Protein backbone atom coordinates (compact mmCIF):
# COMPACT_ATOMS: atom_id res chain seq x y z
CA MET A 1 108.65 83.19 114.38
CA ASN A 2 105.36 84.83 113.44
CA ALA A 3 103.70 88.16 114.22
CA VAL A 4 102.43 86.76 117.53
CA ASP A 5 105.98 86.13 118.76
CA ILE A 6 107.25 89.64 118.07
CA GLN A 7 107.91 91.94 121.02
CA HIS A 8 106.53 95.44 120.57
CA GLY A 9 107.67 97.50 123.50
CA PRO A 10 105.91 98.15 126.81
CA GLY A 11 102.39 97.44 125.51
CA GLY A 12 102.59 93.78 126.50
CA GLU A 13 99.89 91.39 125.32
CA HIS A 14 97.70 94.21 124.02
CA ALA A 15 100.45 95.42 121.70
CA HIS A 16 100.93 91.89 120.38
CA SER A 17 97.26 91.42 119.63
CA THR A 18 96.95 94.90 118.07
CA VAL A 19 99.86 94.35 115.68
CA ASP A 20 98.58 90.84 114.92
CA ARG A 21 95.16 92.27 114.03
CA LEU A 22 96.72 94.94 111.83
CA VAL A 23 98.85 92.34 110.04
CA TYR A 24 95.75 90.19 109.55
CA MET A 25 93.73 93.16 108.25
CA ALA A 26 96.49 94.29 105.87
CA ASN A 27 96.75 90.75 104.53
CA GLN A 28 92.98 90.55 104.01
CA ILE A 29 93.05 93.83 102.08
CA SER A 30 95.96 92.58 99.98
CA ASP A 31 94.09 89.34 99.23
CA PHE A 32 91.17 91.36 97.92
CA PHE A 33 93.32 93.54 95.67
CA LYS A 34 95.36 90.53 94.53
CA SER A 35 92.16 89.00 93.19
CA GLN A 36 91.49 92.11 91.08
CA GLY A 37 92.91 92.15 87.56
CA HIS A 38 95.19 89.66 85.89
CA GLY A 39 98.89 89.45 85.23
CA GLU A 40 101.95 91.11 86.71
CA GLU A 41 101.22 94.39 84.91
CA SER A 42 98.45 94.89 87.49
CA GLN A 43 100.89 94.68 90.43
CA PRO A 44 101.58 98.46 90.69
CA ALA A 45 97.83 99.12 90.68
CA ARG A 46 97.34 96.49 93.38
CA ILE A 47 100.05 98.03 95.56
CA LEU A 48 98.44 101.46 95.19
CA GLY A 49 94.99 99.99 95.85
CA VAL A 50 96.10 98.46 99.15
CA ALA A 51 98.07 101.59 100.09
CA ASN A 52 95.14 103.89 99.28
CA HIS A 53 92.74 101.73 101.29
CA ILE A 54 95.03 101.76 104.33
CA ARG A 55 95.62 105.51 103.99
CA ALA A 56 91.92 106.27 103.63
CA PHE A 57 90.37 103.92 106.18
CA TRP A 58 92.93 103.25 108.88
CA ASP A 59 93.29 105.53 111.87
CA PRO A 60 96.66 107.34 111.98
CA ARG A 61 97.61 105.33 115.09
CA MET A 62 96.96 102.09 113.21
CA ARG A 63 99.16 103.25 110.33
CA ARG A 64 101.92 104.26 112.73
CA LEU A 65 101.86 100.81 114.37
CA ILE A 66 102.05 98.96 111.06
CA PHE A 67 104.76 101.35 109.80
CA ASP A 68 106.78 100.63 112.97
CA HIS A 69 106.22 96.91 112.51
CA VAL A 70 107.63 97.06 108.98
CA GLU A 71 110.53 99.33 109.91
CA GLN A 72 111.53 97.53 113.11
CA HIS A 73 110.58 93.92 112.38
CA GLY A 74 110.67 93.71 108.58
CA GLY A 75 106.91 93.35 108.34
CA GLU A 76 106.93 89.85 109.87
CA GLY A 77 103.72 88.05 108.93
CA LEU A 78 102.73 90.42 106.13
CA LYS A 79 102.07 89.02 102.68
CA PRO A 80 104.30 90.52 99.95
CA LEU A 81 101.56 92.75 98.50
CA ALA A 82 100.60 94.13 101.93
CA LYS A 83 104.25 94.75 102.79
CA ALA A 84 104.90 96.50 99.45
CA ALA A 85 101.88 98.76 99.99
CA ILE A 86 102.97 99.71 103.50
CA GLU A 87 106.54 100.31 102.31
CA HIS A 88 105.06 102.60 99.65
CA LEU A 89 103.18 104.56 102.32
CA ILE A 90 106.33 104.82 104.43
CA GLU A 91 108.27 106.06 101.40
CA VAL A 92 105.61 108.70 100.70
CA ALA A 93 105.58 109.73 104.36
CA ASN A 94 109.38 110.13 104.33
CA SER A 95 109.58 111.91 100.97
CA PRO A 96 110.73 115.55 101.28
CA GLN A 97 109.48 116.29 97.73
CA SER A 98 105.93 115.46 98.68
CA ALA A 99 105.30 117.12 102.04
CA PRO A 100 101.49 117.35 101.64
CA ALA A 101 101.25 113.74 100.45
CA ALA A 102 103.58 112.64 103.25
CA HIS A 103 101.42 114.45 105.79
CA VAL A 104 98.33 112.63 104.53
CA ALA A 105 100.10 109.24 104.39
CA ALA A 106 101.22 109.71 107.98
CA GLY A 107 97.68 110.45 109.06
CA GLY A 108 97.09 114.16 108.59
CA SER A 109 94.32 115.86 106.73
CA HIS A 110 94.66 116.53 103.00
CA ARG A 111 92.88 119.86 103.39
CA ALA A 112 95.02 122.98 103.42
CA GLY A 113 92.58 125.14 105.37
CA PRO A 114 89.05 125.41 106.66
CA GLY A 115 86.47 123.79 104.47
CA PRO A 116 82.71 124.02 104.20
CA GLY A 117 81.12 123.67 107.59
CA ASP A 118 84.32 124.46 109.51
CA ASP A 119 84.04 127.09 112.19
CA ALA A 120 86.37 129.87 111.09
CA GLY A 121 85.99 131.89 114.19
C-alpha cells in the first residue's frame, strides 16, 4: 500500500491527491536537507531543517493534513527524515511547556501582538 491507496475521509479523490502531493513535497524537502552535511551527527540538524521549512512555508491547512496523515496512517509514503521532521512538529504542537512554539508549529503567528503596520484601531 502506498500514499495513493490511503483513504482520507470524505474528501474523495481530491483528498488522496492532496495528501499524495504533501507526501511528495515533504520527501523532496527531506532529500534536499539529507544532501546537506555529512555523517550521522548532522541528522538532528537535518530534522530541524525540514521541520523549520515546513513550519515556515506550508499553509496551516497543509501542516494539519500531513500531521493527520502521520498520526492516523503512520506517515505512509514518507521518507524517514520527512517523517521524523513532521513528528517533531507534532511533538512541539502538543507540548504544554511550549505553548507559543506549539501555536506557531500548528500554524499560528509567532507575534504576540500588533506589529509595525498593523491597524491598532
